[in-house]
Amino acid sequence: MSDFDLEQTDRLLQTTKQVRKRLDFDRSVPREVLLECIDVASRAPMGSNVERNKWLIVEDRDTIAAIGGYYLENARPYLNQSDAFRDDDRQSRVVDSAMYLAERMHEVPAMVIPMRYDRVEDAGVEHQAGWYGSVLPGVWSFQLALRSRGIGSCWTTLHLGFEAEVGALLGIPDSVTQVCLLPVGYYTGEGFFVTPRRPAAEITFVDRWGATAADL
């Protein structure tokens, strides 16, 4: 029998959003809180239980501004050509909020960059799946830990268009992969609604591809 309050844990899981427009750019996030969340995240599953993940907290304002410049330089052409993403109001809002964040990335209170030893660009699918499967659960756990403390975050990767430049700026060795960049800040406004998604029975096949649980 579970010893968790499922109503609370399910609410946390279903309301942890990518926060862009609701980041509080004027309120600092204590380093101690970020370390506490990283400590929680480090307990996430990883292949063979081998600890090869690292984290980098960026607090220096000049450094954040420089990374924000790289981010915006890559984000502008990507988001400006994203008419294909604007098929409906929901997708259009996502693009608009992504551009908002890109234009203010240099103002975020802190950035957190999850990293892992080695490179996987030329590895096969099996190795890539195991490699990313050993780091991404920790990133999600970090975002959940932040959310439970009233702090928003957003999974972003557009700085990776300048991965070498950002790596040089931060002293990250070439043998280390930057997995993503998480801008973090306390979120403004009230809480979050449950994310709208299609029912599980409509997106889940049973026994083989094609027959969904809703068809059975």
N, C-alpha and C. Protein backbone atom coordinates (compact mmCIF):
# COMPACT_ATOMS: atom_id res chain seq x y z
N MET A 1 0.86 -1.20 0.00
CA MET A 1 0.00 0.00 0.00
C MET A 1 0.89 1.24 0.00
N SER A 2 0.54 2.23 -0.82
CA SER A 2 1.35 3.43 -0.94
C SER A 2 1.28 4.28 0.32
N ASP A 3 2.43 4.87 0.68
CA ASP A 3 2.45 5.76 1.84
C ASP A 3 2.48 7.23 1.40
N PHE A 4 2.12 7.47 0.13
CA PHE A 4 2.08 8.83 -0.38
C PHE A 4 0.65 9.32 -0.48
N ASP A 5 0.49 10.63 -0.40
CA ASP A 5 -0.79 11.25 -0.68
C ASP A 5 -0.88 11.39 -2.19
N LEU A 6 -1.58 10.46 -2.84
CA LEU A 6 -1.62 10.43 -4.30
C LEU A 6 -2.22 11.70 -4.89
N GLU A 7 -3.16 12.30 -4.19
CA GLU A 7 -3.75 13.54 -4.70
C GLU A 7 -2.69 14.62 -4.82
N GLN A 8 -1.80 14.70 -3.83
CA GLN A 8 -0.75 15.71 -3.84
C GLN A 8 0.33 15.38 -4.87
N THR A 9 0.78 14.13 -4.90
CA THR A 9 1.84 13.78 -5.85
C THR A 9 1.34 13.89 -7.29
N ASP A 10 0.10 13.47 -7.55
CA ASP A 10 -0.44 13.58 -8.89
C ASP A 10 -0.59 15.05 -9.30
N ARG A 11 -0.99 15.88 -8.36
CA ARG A 11 -1.12 17.31 -8.67
C ARG A 11 0.23 17.92 -9.00
N LEU A 12 1.28 17.54 -8.26
CA LEU A 12 2.62 18.03 -8.54
C LEU A 12 3.06 17.61 -9.94
N LEU A 13 2.84 16.34 -10.27
CA LEU A 13 3.28 15.83 -11.56
C LEU A 13 2.51 16.45 -12.72
N GLN A 14 1.23 16.73 -12.51
CA GLN A 14 0.40 17.22 -13.60
C GLN A 14 0.40 18.74 -13.75
N THR A 15 0.99 19.44 -12.79
CA THR A 15 0.97 20.91 -12.86
C THR A 15 2.37 21.51 -12.89
N THR A 16 3.38 20.69 -13.13
CA THR A 16 4.74 21.23 -13.27
C THR A 16 4.92 21.65 -14.73
N LYS A 17 4.81 22.93 -14.98
CA LYS A 17 4.82 23.48 -16.34
C LYS A 17 6.19 24.06 -16.68
N GLN A 18 6.39 24.27 -17.98
CA GLN A 18 7.53 25.05 -18.43
C GLN A 18 7.19 26.53 -18.21
N VAL A 19 7.90 27.18 -17.32
CA VAL A 19 7.56 28.55 -16.92
C VAL A 19 8.42 29.53 -17.71
N ARG A 20 7.77 30.39 -18.46
CA ARG A 20 8.47 31.39 -19.26
C ARG A 20 8.03 32.81 -18.87
N LYS A 21 6.78 33.12 -19.15
CA LYS A 21 6.28 34.47 -18.90
C LYS A 21 6.06 34.76 -17.42
N ARG A 22 5.96 33.72 -16.62
CA ARG A 22 5.65 33.92 -15.21
C ARG A 22 6.87 33.81 -14.30
N LEU A 23 8.06 33.81 -14.87
CA LEU A 23 9.26 33.86 -14.03
C LEU A 23 9.37 35.24 -13.39
N ASP A 24 9.74 35.27 -12.13
CA ASP A 24 9.98 36.53 -11.44
C ASP A 24 11.43 36.92 -11.68
N PHE A 25 11.65 37.88 -12.57
CA PHE A 25 13.00 38.27 -12.95
C PHE A 25 13.67 39.15 -11.90
N ASP A 26 12.92 39.61 -10.92
CA ASP A 26 13.45 40.56 -9.94
C ASP A 26 13.79 39.93 -8.59
N ARG A 27 13.45 38.68 -8.41
CA ARG A 27 13.68 38.03 -7.11
C ARG A 27 14.75 36.94 -7.25
N SER A 28 15.77 37.03 -6.47
CA SER A 28 16.86 36.06 -6.56
C SER A 28 16.43 34.71 -5.98
N VAL A 29 17.08 33.67 -6.46
CA VAL A 29 16.84 32.32 -5.95
C VAL A 29 18.06 31.91 -5.13
N PRO A 30 17.91 31.63 -3.84
CA PRO A 30 19.06 31.29 -3.00
C PRO A 30 19.79 30.05 -3.53
N ARG A 31 21.10 30.12 -3.54
CA ARG A 31 21.90 28.99 -4.00
C ARG A 31 21.61 27.75 -3.16
N GLU A 32 21.38 27.96 -1.87
CA GLU A 32 21.13 26.83 -0.99
C GLU A 32 19.89 26.05 -1.42
N VAL A 33 18.88 26.76 -1.94
CA VAL A 33 17.66 26.09 -2.40
C VAL A 33 17.95 25.29 -3.66
N LEU A 34 18.74 25.86 -4.56
CA LEU A 34 19.10 25.13 -5.79
C LEU A 34 19.90 23.88 -5.45
N LEU A 35 20.83 23.99 -4.51
CA LEU A 35 21.61 22.82 -4.11
C LEU A 35 20.72 21.77 -3.46
N GLU A 36 19.75 22.21 -2.71
CA GLU A 36 18.80 21.28 -2.09
C GLU A 36 18.04 20.51 -3.16
N CYS A 37 17.62 21.22 -4.21
CA CYS A 37 16.88 20.57 -5.29
C CYS A 37 17.78 19.64 -6.11
N ILE A 38 19.03 20.03 -6.30
CA ILE A 38 19.98 19.16 -7.00
C ILE A 38 20.23 17.90 -6.17
N ASP A 39 20.28 18.07 -4.86
CA ASP A 39 20.46 16.91 -3.98
C ASP A 39 19.30 15.93 -4.13
N VAL A 40 18.10 16.46 -4.22
CA VAL A 40 16.93 15.61 -4.46
C VAL A 40 17.05 14.94 -5.83
N ALA A 41 17.41 15.73 -6.84
CA ALA A 41 17.47 15.22 -8.21
C ALA A 41 18.53 14.14 -8.39
N SER A 42 19.58 14.20 -7.60
CA SER A 42 20.67 13.24 -7.76
C SER A 42 20.26 11.83 -7.34
N ARG A 43 19.09 11.70 -6.71
CA ARG A 43 18.58 10.38 -6.32
C ARG A 43 17.78 9.72 -7.45
N ALA A 44 17.63 10.40 -8.58
CA ALA A 44 16.88 9.81 -9.69
C ALA A 44 17.62 8.60 -10.25
N PRO A 45 16.90 7.69 -10.91
CA PRO A 45 17.55 6.51 -11.48
C PRO A 45 18.61 6.88 -12.51
N MET A 46 19.67 6.09 -12.57
CA MET A 46 20.71 6.25 -13.59
C MET A 46 21.32 4.89 -13.89
N GLY A 47 21.75 4.72 -15.12
CA GLY A 47 22.26 3.44 -15.57
C GLY A 47 23.40 2.92 -14.72
N SER A 48 23.30 1.67 -14.27
CA SER A 48 24.33 1.01 -13.46
C SER A 48 24.63 1.75 -12.17
N ASN A 49 23.79 2.74 -11.85
CA ASN A 49 23.98 3.54 -10.64
C ASN A 49 25.34 4.24 -10.63
N VAL A 50 25.86 4.53 -11.84
CA VAL A 50 27.16 5.20 -11.98
C VAL A 50 26.91 6.71 -12.03
N GLU A 51 27.48 7.44 -11.10
CA GLU A 51 27.25 8.88 -11.01
C GLU A 51 28.22 9.64 -11.92
N ARG A 52 27.74 9.92 -13.14
CA ARG A 52 28.53 10.67 -14.10
C ARG A 52 27.87 12.00 -14.48
N ASN A 53 26.86 12.38 -13.73
CA ASN A 53 26.16 13.63 -13.99
C ASN A 53 26.76 14.76 -13.16
N LYS A 54 26.78 15.94 -13.74
CA LYS A 54 27.25 17.13 -13.06
C LYS A 54 26.24 18.26 -13.28
N TRP A 55 26.30 19.25 -12.42
CA TRP A 55 25.41 20.40 -12.52
C TRP A 55 26.24 21.67 -12.43
N LEU A 56 25.82 22.70 -13.12
CA LEU A 56 26.52 23.98 -13.05
C LEU A 56 25.49 25.08 -12.82
N ILE A 57 25.60 25.78 -11.71
CA ILE A 57 24.73 26.92 -11.40
C ILE A 57 25.42 28.19 -11.87
N VAL A 58 24.73 28.99 -12.66
CA VAL A 58 25.27 30.26 -13.14
C VAL A 58 24.53 31.39 -12.44
N GLU A 59 25.28 32.17 -11.66
CA GLU A 59 24.71 33.29 -10.91
C GLU A 59 25.27 34.64 -11.34
N ASP A 60 26.49 34.65 -11.87
CA ASP A 60 27.15 35.90 -12.25
C ASP A 60 26.36 36.61 -13.34
N ARG A 61 26.04 37.88 -13.11
CA ARG A 61 25.17 38.60 -14.02
C ARG A 61 25.80 38.77 -15.41
N ASP A 62 27.09 39.05 -15.48
CA ASP A 62 27.73 39.21 -16.79
C ASP A 62 27.72 37.90 -17.57
N THR A 63 27.91 36.80 -16.87
CA THR A 63 27.91 35.50 -17.53
C THR A 63 26.52 35.15 -18.02
N ILE A 64 25.51 35.41 -17.19
CA ILE A 64 24.13 35.17 -17.61
C ILE A 64 23.78 36.01 -18.83
N ALA A 65 24.23 37.26 -18.83
CA ALA A 65 23.96 38.14 -19.96
C ALA A 65 24.61 37.60 -21.24
N ALA A 66 25.84 37.10 -21.13
CA ALA A 66 26.53 36.57 -22.30
C ALA A 66 25.83 35.32 -22.83
N ILE A 67 25.44 34.41 -21.95
CA ILE A 67 24.74 33.21 -22.38
C ILE A 67 23.38 33.58 -22.97
N GLY A 68 22.71 34.56 -22.35
CA GLY A 68 21.43 35.02 -22.87
C GLY A 68 21.57 35.58 -24.28
N GLY A 69 22.70 36.23 -24.57
CA GLY A 69 22.95 36.74 -25.91
C GLY A 69 23.08 35.62 -26.92
N TYR A 70 23.84 34.58 -26.57
CA TYR A 70 23.96 33.42 -27.46
C TYR A 70 22.59 32.77 -27.68
N TYR A 71 21.84 32.64 -26.59
CA TYR A 71 20.53 32.00 -26.67
C TYR A 71 19.61 32.75 -27.63
N LEU A 72 19.56 34.07 -27.47
CA LEU A 72 18.67 34.87 -28.31
C LEU A 72 19.11 34.82 -29.77
N GLU A 73 20.42 34.82 -29.99
CA GLU A 73 20.91 34.78 -31.37
C GLU A 73 20.45 33.51 -32.09
N ASN A 74 20.39 32.42 -31.38
CA ASN A 74 19.93 31.17 -31.99
C ASN A 74 18.41 31.06 -31.99
N ALA A 75 17.77 31.67 -30.99
CA ALA A 75 16.31 31.55 -30.86
C ALA A 75 15.57 32.36 -31.92
N ARG A 76 16.08 33.54 -32.26
CA ARG A 76 15.35 34.42 -33.19
C ARG A 76 15.06 33.74 -34.53
N PRO A 77 16.08 33.26 -35.24
CA PRO A 77 15.76 32.63 -36.54
C PRO A 77 14.91 31.38 -36.40
N TYR A 78 15.12 30.62 -35.34
CA TYR A 78 14.35 29.40 -35.14
C TYR A 78 12.88 29.70 -34.89
N LEU A 79 12.60 30.64 -34.00
CA LEU A 79 11.21 30.94 -33.65
C LEU A 79 10.52 31.79 -34.71
N ASN A 80 11.29 32.63 -35.42
CA ASN A 80 10.68 33.45 -36.45
C ASN A 80 10.25 32.65 -37.67
N GLN A 81 10.86 31.49 -37.87
CA GLN A 81 10.45 30.65 -39.00
C GLN A 81 9.47 29.57 -38.56
N SER A 82 8.90 29.74 -37.39
CA SER A 82 8.10 28.67 -36.81
C SER A 82 6.61 28.80 -37.12
N ASP A 83 6.26 29.30 -38.30
CA ASP A 83 4.84 29.38 -38.65
C ASP A 83 4.18 28.01 -38.61
N ALA A 84 5.00 26.97 -38.87
CA ALA A 84 4.44 25.61 -38.84
C ALA A 84 3.98 25.24 -37.45
N PHE A 85 4.50 25.95 -36.42
CA PHE A 85 4.11 25.65 -35.05
C PHE A 85 2.83 26.38 -34.64
N ARG A 86 2.32 27.24 -35.53
CA ARG A 86 1.20 28.09 -35.16
C ARG A 86 -0.11 27.60 -35.77
N ASP A 87 -0.30 26.30 -35.78
CA ASP A 87 -1.50 25.73 -36.37
C ASP A 87 -2.75 26.06 -35.57
N ASP A 88 -2.59 26.34 -34.30
CA ASP A 88 -3.75 26.68 -33.47
C ASP A 88 -3.30 27.66 -32.40
N ASP A 89 -4.27 28.17 -31.65
CA ASP A 89 -3.98 29.18 -30.63
C ASP A 89 -3.02 28.66 -29.58
N ARG A 90 -3.16 27.40 -29.23
CA ARG A 90 -2.30 26.83 -28.19
C ARG A 90 -0.84 26.85 -28.61
N GLN A 91 -0.56 26.39 -29.83
CA GLN A 91 0.82 26.38 -30.30
C GLN A 91 1.35 27.79 -30.49
N SER A 92 0.49 28.69 -30.94
CA SER A 92 0.90 30.08 -31.12
C SER A 92 1.32 30.70 -29.79
N ARG A 93 0.59 30.36 -28.73
CA ARG A 93 0.93 30.88 -27.40
C ARG A 93 2.29 30.34 -26.94
N VAL A 94 2.56 29.08 -27.27
CA VAL A 94 3.85 28.49 -26.89
C VAL A 94 4.99 29.23 -27.58
N VAL A 95 4.84 29.50 -28.89
CA VAL A 95 5.88 30.21 -29.63
C VAL A 95 6.06 31.62 -29.06
N ASP A 96 4.96 32.29 -28.78
CA ASP A 96 5.05 33.65 -28.23
C ASP A 96 5.76 33.65 -26.88
N SER A 97 5.44 32.68 -26.02
CA SER A 97 6.07 32.64 -24.70
C SER A 97 7.54 32.26 -24.83
N ALA A 98 7.87 31.41 -25.81
CA ALA A 98 9.27 31.04 -26.03
C ALA A 98 10.08 32.25 -26.47
N MET A 99 9.50 33.09 -27.32
CA MET A 99 10.20 34.30 -27.76
C MET A 99 10.34 35.28 -26.59
N TYR A 100 9.31 35.38 -25.78
CA TYR A 100 9.37 36.25 -24.60
C TYR A 100 10.54 35.85 -23.71
N LEU A 101 10.66 34.56 -23.46
CA LEU A 101 11.76 34.09 -22.61
C LEU A 101 13.10 34.34 -23.28
N ALA A 102 13.19 34.09 -24.58
CA ALA A 102 14.46 34.31 -25.28
C ALA A 102 14.91 35.76 -25.16
N GLU A 103 13.97 36.68 -25.27
CA GLU A 103 14.31 38.10 -25.22
C GLU A 103 14.66 38.56 -23.81
N ARG A 104 14.30 37.76 -22.79
CA ARG A 104 14.60 38.13 -21.41
C ARG A 104 15.54 37.14 -20.72
N MET A 105 16.09 36.21 -21.50
CA MET A 105 16.95 35.20 -20.91
C MET A 105 18.12 35.83 -20.15
N HIS A 106 18.58 36.96 -20.62
CA HIS A 106 19.72 37.62 -19.97
C HIS A 106 19.36 38.20 -18.60
N GLU A 107 18.05 38.19 -18.26
CA GLU A 107 17.59 38.76 -16.99
C GLU A 107 17.25 37.70 -15.95
N VAL A 108 17.31 36.42 -16.29
CA VAL A 108 16.84 35.40 -15.35
C VAL A 108 17.70 35.42 -14.08
N PRO A 109 17.10 35.11 -12.94
CA PRO A 109 17.85 35.14 -11.67
C PRO A 109 19.03 34.18 -11.64
N ALA A 110 18.85 33.01 -12.25
CA ALA A 110 19.93 32.01 -12.27
C ALA A 110 19.68 31.05 -13.41
N MET A 111 20.75 30.40 -13.85
CA MET A 111 20.66 29.33 -14.84
C MET A 111 21.27 28.07 -14.23
N VAL A 112 20.69 26.94 -14.57
CA VAL A 112 21.26 25.67 -14.14
C VAL A 112 21.46 24.81 -15.38
N ILE A 113 22.69 24.32 -15.56
CA ILE A 113 23.02 23.49 -16.73
C ILE A 113 23.36 22.08 -16.26
N PRO A 114 22.48 21.11 -16.52
CA PRO A 114 22.81 19.71 -16.23
C PRO A 114 23.80 19.20 -17.28
N MET A 115 24.75 18.39 -16.85
CA MET A 115 25.79 17.89 -17.75
C MET A 115 26.07 16.43 -17.46
N ARG A 116 26.73 15.78 -18.41
CA ARG A 116 27.14 14.39 -18.21
C ARG A 116 28.45 14.16 -18.94
N TYR A 117 29.30 13.34 -18.35
CA TYR A 117 30.56 12.99 -18.99
C TYR A 117 30.30 12.26 -20.31
N ASP A 118 31.21 12.46 -21.26
CA ASP A 118 31.23 11.78 -22.55
C ASP A 118 30.35 12.50 -23.58
N ARG A 119 30.52 12.06 -24.83
CA ARG A 119 29.73 12.55 -25.95
C ARG A 119 29.02 11.35 -26.57
N VAL A 120 27.84 11.57 -27.12
CA VAL A 120 27.08 10.45 -27.67
C VAL A 120 26.63 10.67 -29.10
N GLU A 121 27.15 11.72 -29.75
CA GLU A 121 26.66 12.05 -31.09
C GLU A 121 26.77 10.89 -32.08
N ASP A 122 27.86 10.14 -32.01
CA ASP A 122 28.10 9.08 -33.00
C ASP A 122 27.77 7.70 -32.45
N ALA A 123 27.20 7.62 -31.28
CA ALA A 123 26.86 6.33 -30.69
C ALA A 123 25.54 5.81 -31.27
N GLY A 124 25.32 4.52 -31.17
CA GLY A 124 24.08 3.94 -31.66
C GLY A 124 22.90 4.27 -30.78
N VAL A 125 21.71 3.92 -31.26
CA VAL A 125 20.47 4.24 -30.55
C VAL A 125 20.46 3.61 -29.15
N GLU A 126 20.93 2.38 -29.04
CA GLU A 126 20.91 1.71 -27.75
C GLU A 126 21.75 2.46 -26.73
N HIS A 127 22.95 2.87 -27.14
CA HIS A 127 23.82 3.59 -26.20
C HIS A 127 23.25 4.97 -25.87
N GLN A 128 22.71 5.65 -26.89
CA GLN A 128 22.14 6.98 -26.64
C GLN A 128 20.97 6.89 -25.66
N ALA A 129 20.12 5.87 -25.83
CA ALA A 129 18.97 5.72 -24.94
C ALA A 129 19.42 5.52 -23.50
N GLY A 130 20.42 4.68 -23.30
CA GLY A 130 20.92 4.46 -21.95
C GLY A 130 21.60 5.68 -21.38
N TRP A 131 22.34 6.41 -22.25
CA TRP A 131 23.08 7.60 -21.81
C TRP A 131 22.10 8.69 -21.35
N TYR A 132 21.15 9.03 -22.21
CA TYR A 132 20.18 10.07 -21.83
C TYR A 132 19.25 9.59 -20.73
N GLY A 133 18.97 8.29 -20.71
CA GLY A 133 18.13 7.75 -19.65
C GLY A 133 18.77 7.80 -18.29
N SER A 134 20.08 8.08 -18.25
CA SER A 134 20.78 8.20 -16.98
C SER A 134 20.88 9.63 -16.49
N VAL A 135 20.46 10.59 -17.31
CA VAL A 135 20.57 11.99 -16.89
C VAL A 135 19.23 12.72 -16.90
N LEU A 136 18.36 12.41 -17.87
CA LEU A 136 17.10 13.16 -17.98
C LEU A 136 16.15 12.95 -16.81
N PRO A 137 16.05 11.74 -16.22
CA PRO A 137 15.19 11.62 -15.03
C PRO A 137 15.61 12.58 -13.92
N GLY A 138 16.91 12.80 -13.76
CA GLY A 138 17.38 13.72 -12.74
C GLY A 138 16.98 15.16 -13.04
N VAL A 139 17.00 15.53 -14.32
CA VAL A 139 16.59 16.89 -14.69
C VAL A 139 15.12 17.11 -14.36
N TRP A 140 14.29 16.13 -14.68
CA TRP A 140 12.86 16.24 -14.38
C TRP A 140 12.64 16.28 -12.87
N SER A 141 13.38 15.46 -12.13
CA SER A 141 13.26 15.49 -10.67
C SER A 141 13.64 16.87 -10.13
N PHE A 142 14.65 17.48 -10.73
CA PHE A 142 15.07 18.83 -10.32
C PHE A 142 13.94 19.82 -10.56
N GLN A 143 13.28 19.73 -11.71
CA GLN A 143 12.18 20.64 -12.00
C GLN A 143 11.01 20.43 -11.05
N LEU A 144 10.74 19.17 -10.71
CA LEU A 144 9.67 18.89 -9.75
C LEU A 144 10.02 19.44 -8.37
N ALA A 145 11.27 19.28 -7.96
CA ALA A 145 11.70 19.79 -6.66
C ALA A 145 11.58 21.31 -6.62
N LEU A 146 11.93 21.97 -7.72
CA LEU A 146 11.77 23.42 -7.80
C LEU A 146 10.31 23.81 -7.67
N ARG A 147 9.46 23.14 -8.43
CA ARG A 147 8.03 23.46 -8.45
C ARG A 147 7.43 23.35 -7.06
N SER A 148 7.84 22.32 -6.31
CA SER A 148 7.27 22.13 -4.98
C SER A 148 7.72 23.21 -4.01
N ARG A 149 8.73 23.99 -4.40
CA ARG A 149 9.22 25.09 -3.57
C ARG A 149 8.83 26.45 -4.13
N GLY A 150 7.90 26.47 -5.08
CA GLY A 150 7.43 27.73 -5.63
C GLY A 150 8.35 28.34 -6.65
N ILE A 151 9.23 27.54 -7.24
CA ILE A 151 10.21 28.03 -8.22
C ILE A 151 9.90 27.43 -9.58
N GLY A 152 9.87 28.28 -10.59
CA GLY A 152 9.61 27.82 -11.94
C GLY A 152 10.90 27.56 -12.69
N SER A 153 10.79 26.75 -13.73
CA SER A 153 11.93 26.45 -14.59
C SER A 153 11.40 26.14 -15.98
N CYS A 154 12.31 26.06 -16.92
CA CYS A 154 11.91 25.77 -18.29
C CYS A 154 13.03 25.00 -18.98
N TRP A 155 12.70 23.84 -19.53
CA TRP A 155 13.66 23.06 -20.29
C TRP A 155 13.95 23.80 -21.59
N THR A 156 15.19 24.20 -21.82
CA THR A 156 15.57 24.86 -23.07
C THR A 156 16.84 24.22 -23.61
N THR A 157 17.00 24.30 -24.93
CA THR A 157 18.20 23.74 -25.57
C THR A 157 18.79 24.66 -26.62
N LEU A 158 18.19 25.83 -26.85
CA LEU A 158 18.65 26.68 -27.94
C LEU A 158 20.05 27.25 -27.73
N HIS A 159 20.54 27.24 -26.51
CA HIS A 159 21.93 27.70 -26.30
C HIS A 159 22.92 26.71 -26.92
N LEU A 160 22.47 25.48 -27.20
CA LEU A 160 23.38 24.46 -27.70
C LEU A 160 23.83 24.74 -29.13
N GLY A 161 23.17 25.69 -29.80
CA GLY A 161 23.70 26.15 -31.08
C GLY A 161 25.05 26.82 -30.91
N PHE A 162 25.34 27.22 -29.68
CA PHE A 162 26.63 27.82 -29.32
C PHE A 162 27.24 27.04 -28.15
N GLU A 163 27.11 25.72 -28.20
CA GLU A 163 27.60 24.91 -27.09
C GLU A 163 29.08 25.13 -26.82
N ALA A 164 29.88 25.20 -27.87
CA ALA A 164 31.33 25.37 -27.69
C ALA A 164 31.63 26.72 -27.05
N GLU A 165 30.94 27.77 -27.50
CA GLU A 165 31.18 29.10 -26.95
C GLU A 165 30.75 29.18 -25.49
N VAL A 166 29.58 28.61 -25.19
CA VAL A 166 29.11 28.61 -23.80
C VAL A 166 30.04 27.76 -22.94
N GLY A 167 30.48 26.63 -23.49
CA GLY A 167 31.41 25.78 -22.76
C GLY A 167 32.71 26.48 -22.44
N ALA A 168 33.22 27.23 -23.41
CA ALA A 168 34.46 27.98 -23.19
C ALA A 168 34.25 29.06 -22.14
N LEU A 169 33.10 29.71 -22.19
CA LEU A 169 32.78 30.77 -21.22
C LEU A 169 32.75 30.23 -19.80
N LEU A 170 32.26 29.00 -19.65
CA LEU A 170 32.07 28.40 -18.33
C LEU A 170 33.18 27.43 -17.95
N GLY A 171 34.13 27.21 -18.84
CA GLY A 171 35.22 26.30 -18.54
C GLY A 171 34.82 24.83 -18.57
N ILE A 172 33.77 24.50 -19.32
CA ILE A 172 33.31 23.11 -19.41
C ILE A 172 34.19 22.36 -20.39
N PRO A 173 34.78 21.22 -20.01
CA PRO A 173 35.64 20.47 -20.93
C PRO A 173 34.87 19.99 -22.17
N ASP A 174 35.58 19.84 -23.27
CA ASP A 174 34.96 19.39 -24.51
C ASP A 174 34.40 17.98 -24.39
N SER A 175 34.89 17.21 -23.44
CA SER A 175 34.45 15.83 -23.27
C SER A 175 33.15 15.72 -22.49
N VAL A 176 32.61 16.85 -22.05
CA VAL A 176 31.38 16.87 -21.25
C VAL A 176 30.23 17.41 -22.11
N THR A 177 29.08 16.77 -22.02
CA THR A 177 27.90 17.20 -22.78
C THR A 177 26.99 18.08 -21.92
N GLN A 178 26.64 19.24 -22.45
CA GLN A 178 25.62 20.07 -21.82
C GLN A 178 24.26 19.53 -22.28
N VAL A 179 23.46 19.07 -21.36
CA VAL A 179 22.21 18.40 -21.73
C VAL A 179 21.12 19.42 -22.08
N CYS A 180 21.01 20.48 -21.31
CA CYS A 180 20.03 21.52 -21.55
C CYS A 180 20.41 22.72 -20.71
N LEU A 181 19.57 23.74 -20.71
CA LEU A 181 19.77 24.92 -19.87
C LEU A 181 18.43 25.24 -19.23
N LEU A 182 18.42 25.34 -17.91
CA LEU A 182 17.20 25.63 -17.17
C LEU A 182 17.28 27.02 -16.56
N PRO A 183 16.55 28.00 -17.11
CA PRO A 183 16.40 29.27 -16.41
C PRO A 183 15.49 29.04 -15.22
N VAL A 184 15.85 29.56 -14.06
CA VAL A 184 15.05 29.33 -12.86
C VAL A 184 14.71 30.64 -12.18
N GLY A 185 13.54 30.69 -11.60
CA GLY A 185 13.11 31.86 -10.86
C GLY A 185 11.79 31.56 -10.18
N TYR A 186 11.51 32.24 -9.09
CA TYR A 186 10.20 32.09 -8.46
C TYR A 186 9.13 32.48 -9.48
N TYR A 187 8.00 31.78 -9.47
CA TYR A 187 6.97 32.11 -10.44
C TYR A 187 5.96 33.06 -9.83
N THR A 188 5.38 33.87 -10.68
CA THR A 188 4.42 34.88 -10.25
C THR A 188 3.00 34.36 -10.44
N GLY A 189 2.06 35.01 -9.81
CA GLY A 189 0.67 34.63 -9.95
C GLY A 189 0.30 33.46 -9.05
N GLU A 190 -0.86 32.91 -9.33
CA GLU A 190 -1.35 31.78 -8.55
C GLU A 190 -0.74 30.48 -9.04
N GLY A 191 -1.28 29.37 -8.60
CA GLY A 191 -0.77 28.07 -9.01
C GLY A 191 -1.08 27.77 -10.46
N PHE A 192 -0.88 26.50 -10.85
CA PHE A 192 -1.06 26.10 -12.24
C PHE A 192 -2.20 25.09 -12.36
N PHE A 193 -2.88 25.16 -13.49
CA PHE A 193 -3.91 24.18 -13.79
C PHE A 193 -3.26 22.90 -14.30
N VAL A 194 -4.02 21.82 -14.26
CA VAL A 194 -3.55 20.55 -14.81
C VAL A 194 -3.35 20.72 -16.32
N THR A 195 -2.24 20.23 -16.82
CA THR A 195 -1.94 20.34 -18.24
C THR A 195 -2.94 19.54 -19.06
N PRO A 196 -3.56 20.13 -20.08
CA PRO A 196 -4.51 19.37 -20.91
C PRO A 196 -3.77 18.41 -21.83
N ARG A 197 -4.18 17.17 -21.83
CA ARG A 197 -3.59 16.14 -22.69
C ARG A 197 -4.69 15.17 -23.12
N ARG A 198 -4.42 14.44 -24.19
CA ARG A 198 -5.35 13.41 -24.64
C ARG A 198 -5.40 12.28 -23.60
N PRO A 199 -6.54 11.61 -23.45
CA PRO A 199 -6.66 10.52 -22.48
C PRO A 199 -5.65 9.41 -22.76
N ALA A 200 -5.19 8.76 -21.71
CA ALA A 200 -4.20 7.70 -21.84
C ALA A 200 -4.68 6.60 -22.77
N ALA A 201 -5.95 6.25 -22.71
CA ALA A 201 -6.48 5.16 -23.53
C ALA A 201 -6.39 5.45 -25.02
N GLU A 202 -6.32 6.76 -25.38
CA GLU A 202 -6.24 7.12 -26.80
C GLU A 202 -4.81 7.12 -27.33
N ILE A 203 -3.82 7.16 -26.45
CA ILE A 203 -2.43 7.25 -26.90
C ILE A 203 -1.63 6.01 -26.53
N THR A 204 -2.31 4.99 -26.00
CA THR A 204 -1.63 3.78 -25.55
C THR A 204 -2.08 2.57 -26.36
N PHE A 205 -1.12 1.91 -27.00
CA PHE A 205 -1.41 0.67 -27.72
C PHE A 205 -1.28 -0.52 -26.77
N VAL A 206 -1.99 -1.59 -27.07
CA VAL A 206 -1.95 -2.81 -26.26
C VAL A 206 -1.48 -3.98 -27.12
N ASP A 207 -0.41 -4.61 -26.71
CA ASP A 207 0.18 -5.80 -27.34
C ASP A 207 0.91 -5.51 -28.64
N ARG A 208 0.41 -4.60 -29.47
CA ARG A 208 1.12 -4.27 -30.71
C ARG A 208 0.66 -2.91 -31.19
N TRP A 209 1.44 -2.31 -32.10
CA TRP A 209 1.14 -0.99 -32.64
C TRP A 209 -0.19 -1.01 -33.37
N GLY A 210 -1.00 0.03 -33.11
CA GLY A 210 -2.21 0.24 -33.91
C GLY A 210 -3.49 0.15 -33.14
N ALA A 211 -3.62 -0.80 -32.24
CA ALA A 211 -4.86 -0.96 -31.47
C ALA A 211 -4.68 -0.29 -30.13
N THR A 212 -5.42 0.81 -29.92
CA THR A 212 -5.30 1.52 -28.66
C THR A 212 -6.17 0.88 -27.59
N ALA A 213 -5.88 1.25 -26.36
CA ALA A 213 -6.69 0.74 -25.25
C ALA A 213 -8.14 1.18 -25.40
N ALA A 214 -8.35 2.31 -26.06
CA ALA A 214 -9.72 2.79 -26.26
C ALA A 214 -10.49 1.92 -27.25
N ASP A 215 -9.77 1.19 -28.10
CA ASP A 215 -10.42 0.35 -29.10
C ASP A 215 -10.84 -1.00 -28.55
N LEU A 216 -10.31 -1.34 -27.38
CA LEU A 216 -10.55 -2.68 -26.85
C LEU A 216 -11.76 -2.73 -25.92
